[in-house]
C-alpha atoms as a PDB file:
ATOM      1  CA  UNK A   1     190.749 171.707 -83.266  1.00  0.00           C
ATOM      2  CA  UNK A   2     188.565 174.766 -82.575  1.00  0.00           C
ATOM      3  CA  UNK A   3     186.961 173.034 -79.599  1.00  0.00           C
ATOM      4  CA  UNK A   4     190.404 172.152 -78.233  1.00  0.00           C
ATOM      5  CA  UNK A   5     191.505 175.791 -78.458  1.00  0.00           C
ATOM      6  CA  UNK A   6     188.307 176.906 -76.735  1.00  0.00           C
ATOM      7  CA  UNK A   7     188.848 174.268 -74.055  1.00  0.00           C
ATOM      8  CA  UNK A   8     192.361 175.566 -73.366  1.00  0.00           C
ATOM      9  CA  UNK A   9     191.001 179.113 -73.168  1.00  0.00           C
ATOM     10  CA  UNK A  10     188.231 178.100 -70.756  1.00  0.00           C
ATOM     11  CA  UNK A  11     190.691 176.146 -68.597  1.00  0.00           C
ATOM     12  CA  UNK A  12     192.990 179.190 -68.412  1.00  0.00           C
ATOM     13  CA  UNK A  13     190.059 181.416 -67.445  1.00  0.00           C
ATOM     14  CA  UNK A  14     188.904 179.006 -64.722  1.00  0.00           C
ATOM     15  CA  UNK A  15     192.413 178.879 -63.243  1.00  0.00           C
ATOM     16  CA  UNK A  16     192.848 182.658 -63.476  1.00  0.00           C
ATOM     17  CA  UNK A  17     189.511 183.138 -61.717  1.00  0.00           C
ATOM     18  CA  UNK A  18     190.559 180.770 -58.935  1.00  0.00           C
ATOM     19  CA  UNK A  19     193.884 182.594 -58.568  1.00  0.00           C
ATOM     20  CA  UNK A  20     192.101 185.942 -58.324  1.00  0.00           C
ATOM     21  CA  UNK A  21     189.750 184.637 -55.647  1.00  0.00           C
ATOM     22  CA  UNK A  22     192.637 183.006 -53.765  1.00  0.00           C
ATOM     23  CA  UNK A  23     194.776 186.153 -53.696  1.00  0.00           C
ATOM     24  CA  UNK A  24     193.596 187.457 -50.308  1.00  0.00           C
ATOM     25  CA  UNK A  25     193.751 183.911 -48.905  1.00  0.00           C
ATOM     26  CA  UNK A  26     197.376 183.423 -49.913  1.00  0.00           C
ATOM     27  CA  UNK A  27     199.076 186.810 -49.966  1.00  0.00           C
ATOM     28  CA  UNK A  28     196.751 189.089 -48.061  1.00  0.00           C
ATOM     29  CA  UNK A  29     196.422 191.347 -51.101  1.00  0.00           C
ATOM     30  CA  UNK A  30     193.301 193.151 -52.186  1.00  0.00           C
ATOM     31  CA  UNK A  31     190.508 190.828 -53.339  1.00  0.00           C
ATOM     32  CA  UNK A  32     189.870 190.586 -57.070  1.00  0.00           C
ATOM     33  CA  UNK A  33     186.382 189.176 -56.737  1.00  0.00           C
ATOM     34  CA  UNK A  34     184.706 191.146 -59.515  1.00  0.00           C
ATOM     35  CA  UNK A  35     187.437 190.424 -62.039  1.00  0.00           C
ATOM     36  CA  UNK A  36     187.687 186.801 -60.948  1.00  0.00           C
ATOM     37  CA  UNK A  37     183.947 186.223 -61.209  1.00  0.00           C
ATOM     38  CA  UNK A  38     183.901 187.914 -64.616  1.00  0.00           C
ATOM     39  CA  UNK A  39     186.645 185.551 -65.778  1.00  0.00           C
ATOM     40  CA  UNK A  40     184.762 182.588 -64.338  1.00  0.00           C
ATOM     41  CA  UNK A  41     181.557 183.737 -66.049  1.00  0.00           C
ATOM     42  CA  UNK A  42     183.382 183.843 -69.388  1.00  0.00           C
ATOM     43  CA  UNK A  43     184.795 180.377 -68.718  1.00  0.00           C
ATOM     44  CA  UNK A  44     181.335 179.010 -67.944  1.00  0.00           C
ATOM     45  CA  UNK A  45     179.926 180.424 -71.195  1.00  0.00           C
ATOM     46  CA  UNK A  46     182.772 178.941 -73.225  1.00  0.00           C
ATOM     47  CA  UNK A  47     182.372 175.646 -71.357  1.00  0.00           C
ATOM     48  CA  UNK A  48     178.699 175.590 -72.339  1.00  0.00           C
ATOM     49  CA  UNK A  49     179.659 176.095 -75.981  1.00  0.00           C
ATOM     50  CA  UNK A  50     182.214 173.286 -75.769  1.00  0.00           C
ATOM     51  CA  UNK A  51     179.667 170.882 -74.286  1.00  0.00           C
ATOM     52  CA  UNK A  52     177.183 171.827 -76.996  1.00  0.00           C
ATOM     53  CA  UNK A  53     179.695 171.365 -79.794  1.00  0.00           C
ATOM     54  CA  UNK A  54     181.497 168.306 -78.477  1.00  0.00           C
ATOM     55  CA  UNK A  55     178.358 166.376 -77.611  1.00  0.00           C
ATOM     56  CA  UNK A  56     176.235 167.593 -80.526  1.00  0.00           C
ATOM     57  CA  UNK A  57     173.872 169.710 -78.482  1.00  0.00           C
ATOM     58  CA  UNK A  58     172.554 166.710 -76.554  1.00  0.00           C
ATOM     59  CA  UNK A  59     172.872 165.398 -73.019  1.00  0.00           C
ATOM     60  CA  UNK A  60     175.802 162.986 -73.092  1.00  0.00           C
ATOM     61  CA  UNK A  61     175.825 160.968 -69.875  1.00  0.00           C
ATOM     62  CA  UNK A  62     178.896 158.848 -70.504  1.00  0.00           C
ATOM     63  CA  UNK A  63     181.357 158.975 -67.603  1.00  0.00           C
ATOM     64  CA  UNK A  64     183.767 161.777 -68.571  1.00  0.00           C
ATOM     65  CA  UNK A  65     181.139 163.791 -70.455  1.00  0.00           C
ATOM     66  CA  UNK A  66     178.855 163.598 -67.407  1.00  0.00           C
ATOM     67  CA  UNK A  67     181.683 164.750 -65.116  1.00  0.00           C
ATOM     68  CA  UNK A  68     182.355 167.754 -67.334  1.00  0.00           C
ATOM     69  CA  UNK A  69     178.638 168.550 -67.493  1.00  0.00           C
ATOM     70  CA  UNK A  70     178.265 168.336 -63.710  1.00  0.00           C
ATOM     71  CA  UNK A  71     181.351 170.530 -63.256  1.00  0.00           C
ATOM     72  CA  UNK A  72     179.829 173.108 -65.597  1.00  0.00           C
ATOM     73  CA  UNK A  73     176.584 173.109 -63.613  1.00  0.00           C
ATOM     74  CA  UNK A  74     178.430 173.430 -60.286  1.00  0.00           C
ATOM     75  CA  UNK A  75     180.534 176.337 -61.604  1.00  0.00           C
ATOM     76  CA  UNK A  76     177.463 178.140 -62.927  1.00  0.00           C
ATOM     77  CA  UNK A  77     175.709 177.678 -59.588  1.00  0.00           C
ATOM     78  CA  UNK A  78     178.832 178.898 -57.769  1.00  0.00           C
ATOM     79  CA  UNK A  79     178.587 182.147 -59.730  1.00  0.00           C
ATOM     80  CA  UNK A  80     174.941 182.512 -58.709  1.00  0.00           C
ATOM     81  CA  UNK A  81     175.786 181.871 -55.055  1.00  0.00           C
ATOM     82  CA  UNK A  82     178.576 184.478 -55.137  1.00  0.00           C
ATOM     83  CA  UNK A  83     176.235 187.003 -56.725  1.00  0.00           C
ATOM     84  CA  UNK A  84     174.049 186.948 -53.610  1.00  0.00           C
ATOM     85  CA  UNK A  85     176.385 185.776 -50.840  1.00  0.00           C
ATOM     86  CA  UNK A  86     180.085 186.357 -51.647  1.00  0.00           C
ATOM     87  CA  UNK A  87     181.999 183.202 -50.739  1.00  0.00           C
ATOM     88  CA  UNK A  88     185.235 183.473 -52.679  1.00  0.00           C
ATOM     89  CA  UNK A  89     186.640 180.263 -51.238  1.00  0.00           C
ATOM     90  CA  UNK A  90     183.956 178.299 -53.093  1.00  0.00           C
ATOM     91  CA  UNK A  91     185.466 179.349 -56.397  1.00  0.00           C
ATOM     92  CA  UNK A  92     188.928 178.454 -55.176  1.00  0.00           C
ATOM     93  CA  UNK A  93     187.683 174.878 -54.733  1.00  0.00           C
ATOM     94  CA  UNK A  94     185.255 174.597 -57.647  1.00  0.00           C
ATOM     95  CA  UNK A  95     186.946 176.347 -60.573  1.00  0.00           C
ATOM     96  CA  UNK A  96     190.256 174.398 -60.613  1.00  0.00           C
ATOM     97  CA  UNK A  97     188.315 171.124 -60.328  1.00  0.00           C
ATOM     98  CA  UNK A  98     186.092 172.185 -63.227  1.00  0.00           C
ATOM     99  CA  UNK A  99     189.179 173.055 -65.276  1.00  0.00           C
ATOM    100  CA  UNK A 100     190.635 169.604 -64.613  1.00  0.00           C
ATOM    101  CA  UNK A 101     187.434 167.766 -65.553  1.00  0.00           C
ATOM    102  CA  UNK A 102     187.021 169.876 -68.708  1.00  0.00           C
ATOM    103  CA  UNK A 103     190.611 169.048 -69.669  1.00  0.00           C
ATOM    104  CA  UNK A 104     190.032 165.323 -69.205  1.00  0.00           C
ATOM    105  CA  UNK A 105     186.819 165.364 -71.244  1.00  0.00           C
ATOM    106  CA  UNK A 106     188.363 167.485 -74.011  1.00  0.00           C
ATOM    107  CA  UNK A 107     191.817 165.909 -74.375  1.00  0.00           C
ATOM    108  CA  UNK A 108     191.902 162.467 -72.756  1.00  0.00           C
ATOM    109  CA  UNK A 109     188.425 160.935 -72.864  1.00  0.00           C
ATOM    110  CA  UNK A 110     187.435 158.806 -75.861  1.00  0.00           C
ATOM    111  CA  UNK A 111     184.751 160.311 -78.139  1.00  0.00           C
ATOM    112  CA  UNK A 112     181.203 159.292 -77.257  1.00  0.00           C
ATOM    113  CA  UNK A 113     177.760 159.665 -78.790  1.00  0.00           C
ATOM    114  CA  UNK A 114     174.811 160.886 -76.703  1.00  0.00           C
ATOM    115  CA  UNK A 115     171.992 158.416 -76.195  1.00  0.00           C
ATOM    116  CA  UNK A 116     168.588 159.522 -77.575  1.00  0.00           C
ATOM    117  CA  UNK A 117     166.190 160.646 -74.836  1.00  0.00           C
ATOM    118  CA  UNK A 118     162.550 161.628 -74.653  1.00  0.00           C
ATOM    119  CA  UNK A 119     161.739 165.019 -73.168  1.00  0.00           C
ATOM    120  CA  UNK A 120     160.552 163.358 -69.965  1.00  0.00           C
ATOM    121  CA  UNK A 121     163.953 161.736 -69.411  1.00  0.00           C
ATOM    122  CA  UNK A 122     165.716 165.003 -70.282  1.00  0.00           C
ATOM    123  CA  UNK A 123     163.603 166.725 -67.622  1.00  0.00           C
ATOM    124  CA  UNK A 124     164.493 164.032 -65.084  1.00  0.00           C
ATOM    125  CA  UNK A 125     168.205 164.306 -65.911  1.00  0.00           C
ATOM    126  CA  UNK A 126     168.159 168.115 -65.781  1.00  0.00           C
ATOM    127  CA  UNK A 127     166.543 168.154 -62.342  1.00  0.00           C
ATOM    128  CA  UNK A 128     169.034 165.517 -61.168  1.00  0.00           C
ATOM    129  CA  UNK A 129     171.968 167.614 -62.417  1.00  0.00           C
ATOM    130  CA  UNK A 130     170.665 170.667 -60.575  1.00  0.00           C
ATOM    131  CA  UNK A 131     170.175 168.650 -57.383  1.00  0.00           C
ATOM    132  CA  UNK A 132     173.681 167.228 -57.620  1.00  0.00           C
ATOM    133  CA  UNK A 133     175.149 170.664 -58.349  1.00  0.00           C
ATOM    134  CA  UNK A 134     173.445 172.420 -55.448  1.00  0.00           C
ATOM    135  CA  UNK A 135     174.352 169.663 -52.984  1.00  0.00           C
ATOM    136  CA  UNK A 136     177.945 169.622 -54.278  1.00  0.00           C
ATOM    137  CA  UNK A 137     178.276 173.295 -53.378  1.00  0.00           C
ATOM    138  CA  UNK A 138     176.742 172.522 -49.983  1.00  0.00           C
ATOM    139  CA  UNK A 139     179.402 169.829 -49.473  1.00  0.00           C
ATOM    140  CA  UNK A 140     182.163 172.314 -50.367  1.00  0.00           C
ATOM    141  CA  UNK A 141     180.685 174.778 -47.869  1.00  0.00           C
ATOM    142  CA  UNK A 142     180.572 172.027 -45.247  1.00  0.00           C
ATOM    143  CA  UNK A 143     184.308 171.491 -45.714  1.00  0.00           C
ATOM    144  CA  UNK A 144     184.936 175.233 -45.322  1.00  0.00           C
ATOM    145  CA  UNK A 145     182.722 175.272 -42.236  1.00  0.00           C
ATOM    146  CA  UNK A 146     184.711 172.409 -40.694  1.00  0.00           C
ATOM    147  CA  UNK A 147     188.005 174.282 -41.271  1.00  0.00           C
ATOM    148  CA  UNK A 148     186.552 177.484 -39.835  1.00  0.00           C
ATOM    149  CA  UNK A 149     185.290 175.789 -36.678  1.00  0.00           C
ATOM    150  CA  UNK A 150     188.565 173.936 -36.165  1.00  0.00           C
ATOM    151  CA  UNK A 151     190.603 177.126 -36.621  1.00  0.00           C
ATOM    152  CA  UNK A 152     188.398 179.053 -34.190  1.00  0.00           C
ATOM    153  CA  UNK A 153     188.615 176.306 -31.568  1.00  0.00           C
ATOM    154  CA  UNK A 154     192.409 176.337 -31.797  1.00  0.00           C
ATOM    155  CA  UNK A 155     192.607 180.140 -32.092  1.00  0.00           C
ATOM    156  CA  UNK A 156     194.371 179.962 -35.449  1.00  0.00           C
ATOM    157  CA  UNK A 157     193.461 183.341 -36.905  1.00  0.00           C
ATOM    158  CA  UNK A 158     195.358 183.222 -40.185  1.00  0.00           C
ATOM    159  CA  UNK A 159     194.693 185.482 -43.157  1.00  0.00           C
ATOM    160  CA  UNK A 160     192.795 182.701 -44.902  1.00  0.00           C
ATOM    161  CA  UNK A 161     190.337 182.580 -41.993  1.00  0.00           C
ATOM    162  CA  UNK A 162     189.859 186.357 -42.044  1.00  0.00           C
ATOM    163  CA  UNK A 163     189.160 186.179 -45.787  1.00  0.00           C
ATOM    164  CA  UNK A 164     186.255 183.759 -45.280  1.00  0.00           C
ATOM    165  CA  UNK A 165     182.736 184.996 -44.508  1.00  0.00           C
ATOM    166  CA  UNK A 166     181.536 184.876 -40.879  1.00  0.00           C
ATOM    167  CA  UNK A 167     180.836 181.421 -39.521  1.00  0.00           C
ATOM    168  CA  UNK A 168     177.124 182.128 -39.090  1.00  0.00           C
ATOM    169  CA  UNK A 169     176.833 183.237 -42.733  1.00  0.00           C
ATOM    170  CA  UNK A 170     178.565 180.084 -43.946  1.00  0.00           C
ATOM    171  CA  UNK A 171     176.283 177.913 -41.822  1.00  0.00           C
ATOM    172  CA  UNK A 172     173.115 179.742 -42.922  1.00  0.00           C
ATOM    173  CA  UNK A 173     174.083 179.432 -46.585  1.00  0.00           C
ATOM    174  CA  UNK A 174     174.921 175.759 -46.076  1.00  0.00           C
ATOM    175  CA  UNK A 175     171.438 174.906 -44.824  1.00  0.00           C
ATOM    176  CA  UNK A 176     169.739 177.014 -47.493  1.00  0.00           C
ATOM    177  CA  UNK A 177     171.607 175.079 -50.155  1.00  0.00           C
ATOM    178  CA  UNK A 178     170.825 171.748 -48.505  1.00  0.00           C
ATOM    179  CA  UNK A 179     167.141 172.699 -48.363  1.00  0.00           C
ATOM    180  CA  UNK A 180     167.117 173.645 -52.061  1.00  0.00           C
ATOM    181  CA  UNK A 181     169.072 170.514 -52.965  1.00  0.00           C
ATOM    182  CA  UNK A 182     166.698 168.348 -50.950  1.00  0.00           C
ATOM    183  CA  UNK A 183     163.703 169.748 -52.834  1.00  0.00           C
ATOM    184  CA  UNK A 184     165.449 169.140 -56.174  1.00  0.00           C
ATOM    185  CA  UNK A 185     166.467 165.625 -55.114  1.00  0.00           C
ATOM    186  CA  UNK A 186     162.842 164.936 -54.160  1.00  0.00           C
ATOM    187  CA  UNK A 187     161.765 166.085 -57.620  1.00  0.00           C
ATOM    188  CA  UNK A 188     164.467 163.872 -59.129  1.00  0.00           C
ATOM    189  CA  UNK A 189     163.042 160.811 -57.398  1.00  0.00           C
ATOM    190  CA  UNK A 190     159.480 161.767 -58.331  1.00  0.00           C
ATOM    191  CA  UNK A 191     160.305 162.316 -62.007  1.00  0.00           C
ATOM    192  CA  UNK A 192     162.197 159.034 -61.962  1.00  0.00           C
ATOM    193  CA  UNK A 193     159.107 157.222 -60.704  1.00  0.00           C
ATOM    194  CA  UNK A 194     156.911 158.957 -63.277  1.00  0.00           C
ATOM    195  CA  UNK A 195     159.125 158.889 -66.355  1.00  0.00           C
ATOM    196  CA  UNK A 196     161.742 156.126 -66.079  1.00  0.00           C
ATOM    197  CA  UNK A 197     160.600 152.690 -67.184  1.00  0.00           C
ATOM    198  CA  UNK A 198     161.611 149.799 -64.923  1.00  0.00           C
ATOM    199  CA  UNK A 199     163.272 152.049 -62.346  1.00  0.00           C
ATOM    200  CA  UNK A 200     164.701 149.068 -60.449  1.00  0.00           C
ATOM    201  CA  UNK A 201     165.808 147.209 -63.574  1.00  0.00           C
ATOM    202  CA  UNK A 202     168.877 147.260 -65.795  1.00  0.00           C
ATOM    203  CA  UNK A 203     171.640 149.216 -64.018  1.00  0.00           C
ATOM    204  CA  UNK A 204     169.246 151.555 -62.223  1.00  0.00           C
ATOM    205  CA  UNK A 205     168.495 149.602 -59.056  1.00  0.00           C
ATOM    206  CA  UNK A 206     171.582 150.676 -57.121  1.00  0.00           C
ATOM    207  CA  UNK A 207     171.203 154.270 -58.365  1.00  0.00           C
ATOM    208  CA  UNK A 208     167.647 154.374 -57.095  1.00  0.00           C
ATOM    209  CA  UNK A 209     168.492 152.827 -53.734  1.00  0.00           C
ATOM    210  CA  UNK A 210     171.540 155.055 -53.158  1.00  0.00           C
ATOM    211  CA  UNK A 211     169.624 158.161 -54.215  1.00  0.00           C
ATOM    212  CA  UNK A 212     166.905 157.289 -51.691  1.00  0.00           C
ATOM    213  CA  UNK A 213     169.556 156.752 -48.997  1.00  0.00           C
ATOM    214  CA  UNK A 214     171.088 160.168 -49.782  1.00  0.00           C
ATOM    215  CA  UNK A 215     167.607 161.718 -49.698  1.00  0.00           C
ATOM    216  CA  UNK A 216     167.018 160.191 -46.255  1.00  0.00           C
ATOM    217  CA  UNK A 217     170.378 161.466 -44.957  1.00  0.00           C
ATOM    218  CA  UNK A 218     169.675 165.026 -46.069  1.00  0.00           C
ATOM    219  CA  UNK A 219     166.095 164.759 -44.805  1.00  0.00           C
ATOM    220  CA  UNK A 220     167.281 163.636 -41.364  1.00  0.00           C
ATOM    221  CA  UNK A 221     169.795 166.502 -41.298  1.00  0.00           C
ATOM    222  CA  UNK A 222     167.146 169.090 -42.137  1.00  0.00           C
ATOM    223  CA  UNK A 223     164.748 167.629 -39.569  1.00  0.00           C
ATOM    224  CA  UNK A 224     167.496 167.630 -36.945  1.00  0.00           C
ATOM    225  CA  UNK A 225     168.320 171.243 -37.776  1.00  0.00           C
ATOM    226  CA  UNK A 226     164.660 172.275 -37.496  1.00  0.00           C
ATOM    227  CA  UNK A 227     163.760 170.188 -34.437  1.00  0.00           C
ATOM    228  CA  UNK A 228     167.013 170.034 -32.464  1.00  0.00           C
ATOM    229  CA  UNK A 229     169.149 172.838 -33.892  1.00  0.00           C
ATOM    230  CA  UNK A 230     171.845 170.543 -35.252  1.00  0.00           C
ATOM    231  CA  UNK A 231     174.964 172.348 -36.423  1.00  0.00           C
ATOM    232  CA  UNK A 232     178.732 172.092 -36.368  1.00  0.00           C
ATOM    233  CA  UNK A 233     180.432 168.724 -36.725  1.00  0.00           C
ATOM    234  CA  UNK A 234     177.191 166.739 -36.921  1.00  0.00           C
ATOM    235  CA  UNK A 235     175.880 168.897 -39.763  1.00  0.00           C
ATOM    236  CA  UNK A 236     179.204 168.711 -41.620  1.00  0.00           C
ATOM    237  CA  UNK A 237     179.455 164.943 -41.262  1.00  0.00           C
ATOM    238  CA  UNK A 238     175.896 164.265 -42.399  1.00  0.00           C
ATOM    239  CA  UNK A 239     176.306 166.623 -45.362  1.00  0.00           C
ATOM    240  CA  UNK A 240     179.476 164.867 -46.508  1.00  0.00           C
ATOM    241  CA  UNK A 241     177.985 161.402 -45.951  1.00  0.00           C
ATOM    242  CA  UNK A 242     174.903 162.319 -47.977  1.00  0.00           C
ATOM    243  CA  UNK A 243     177.066 163.747 -50.760  1.00  0.00           C
ATOM    244  CA  UNK A 244     179.328 160.692 -50.816  1.00  0.00           C
ATOM    245  CA  UNK A 245     176.303 158.424 -51.231  1.00  0.00           C
ATOM    246  CA  UNK A 246     174.989 160.668 -53.998  1.00  0.00           C
ATOM    247  CA  UNK A 247     178.338 160.531 -55.836  1.00  0.00           C
ATOM    248  CA  UNK A 248     178.171 156.738 -55.714  1.00  0.00           C
ATOM    249  CA  UNK A 249     174.609 156.852 -57.016  1.00  0.00           C
ATOM    250  CA  UNK A 250     175.481 159.148 -59.919  1.00  0.00           C
ATOM    251  CA  UNK A 251     178.917 157.898 -60.930  1.00  0.00           C
ATOM    252  CA  UNK A 252     179.623 154.578 -59.208  1.00  0.00           C
ATOM    253  CA  UNK A 253     178.198 152.272 -61.865  1.00  0.00           C
ATOM    254  CA  UNK A 254     179.435 154.473 -64.693  1.00  0.00           C
ATOM    255  CA  UNK A 255     182.985 154.142 -63.421  1.00  0.00           C
ATOM    256  CA  UNK A 256     182.823 150.374 -63.019  1.00  0.00           C
ATOM    257  CA  UNK A 257     180.977 149.618 -66.250  1.00  0.00           C
ATOM    258  CA  UNK A 258     182.674 152.082 -68.572  1.00  0.00           C
ATOM    259  CA  UNK A 259     186.241 152.202 -67.260  1.00  0.00           C
ATOM    260  CA  UNK A 260     186.708 148.737 -65.773  1.00  0.00           C
ATOM    261  CA  UNK A 261     184.299 146.478 -67.672  1.00  0.00           C
ATOM    262  CA  UNK A 262     184.324 148.626 -70.846  1.00  0.00           C
ATOM    263  CA  UNK A 263     180.584 148.462 -71.187  1.00  0.00           C
ATOM    264  CA  UNK A 264     178.175 151.301 -71.834  1.00  0.00           C
ATOM    265  CA  UNK A 265     175.251 152.151 -69.619  1.00  0.00           C
ATOM    266  CA  UNK A 266     171.907 152.230 -71.398  1.00  0.00           C
END
């Protein structure tokens, strides 16, 4: 019961934070960034406590628990990004989604027990979560970048466009995040090779292959940016393609096995 109350409180804080960040986008009022980020920070801390209590202080990688965990990581990283490069629109996208996934894990998902893991596997999973979180934020920025470029081409200078950071800042931050995510994804693959037994066995073959495909997509994008100055639509499309492949790698089999076939991944 206590965890349910905390979950409701965290959900309310996430939504309030998103509303505060969205205020200048919707009404043109004064931004409430500091208050909104403080609310989001409180929500992230409570979310961490809920994950610890609900899943017994362990990494629970069942479908809904993993979604809530990833959402927590993405929200925490969003706070870090906003601390250095204010991009309020990121929170408008991320925080309501995190609230929804926390609600599903807390109130709708069946109870699950975490699988025991050695420290090597925990390290591999932690690096993978960070890679997924950083690249998720990059994908959200890519969507914002696409809207900005489209609005500028059509001379649609609405208040929401004026509330966003300059296009060059968004693009610079996008490639910094992709670079960091690419490094983390490389470490994910390396720790998988070193620490995961039978990497291409069990239900891991498609995860490995799709993760390598995503790694290649992001690698090609970074090379194209460095060598040919790729930007705009090409950069957005490759970012979203790479992220879509990574989502399939992380959650595709979990969805099919747990929700359709009612089996549990090892």
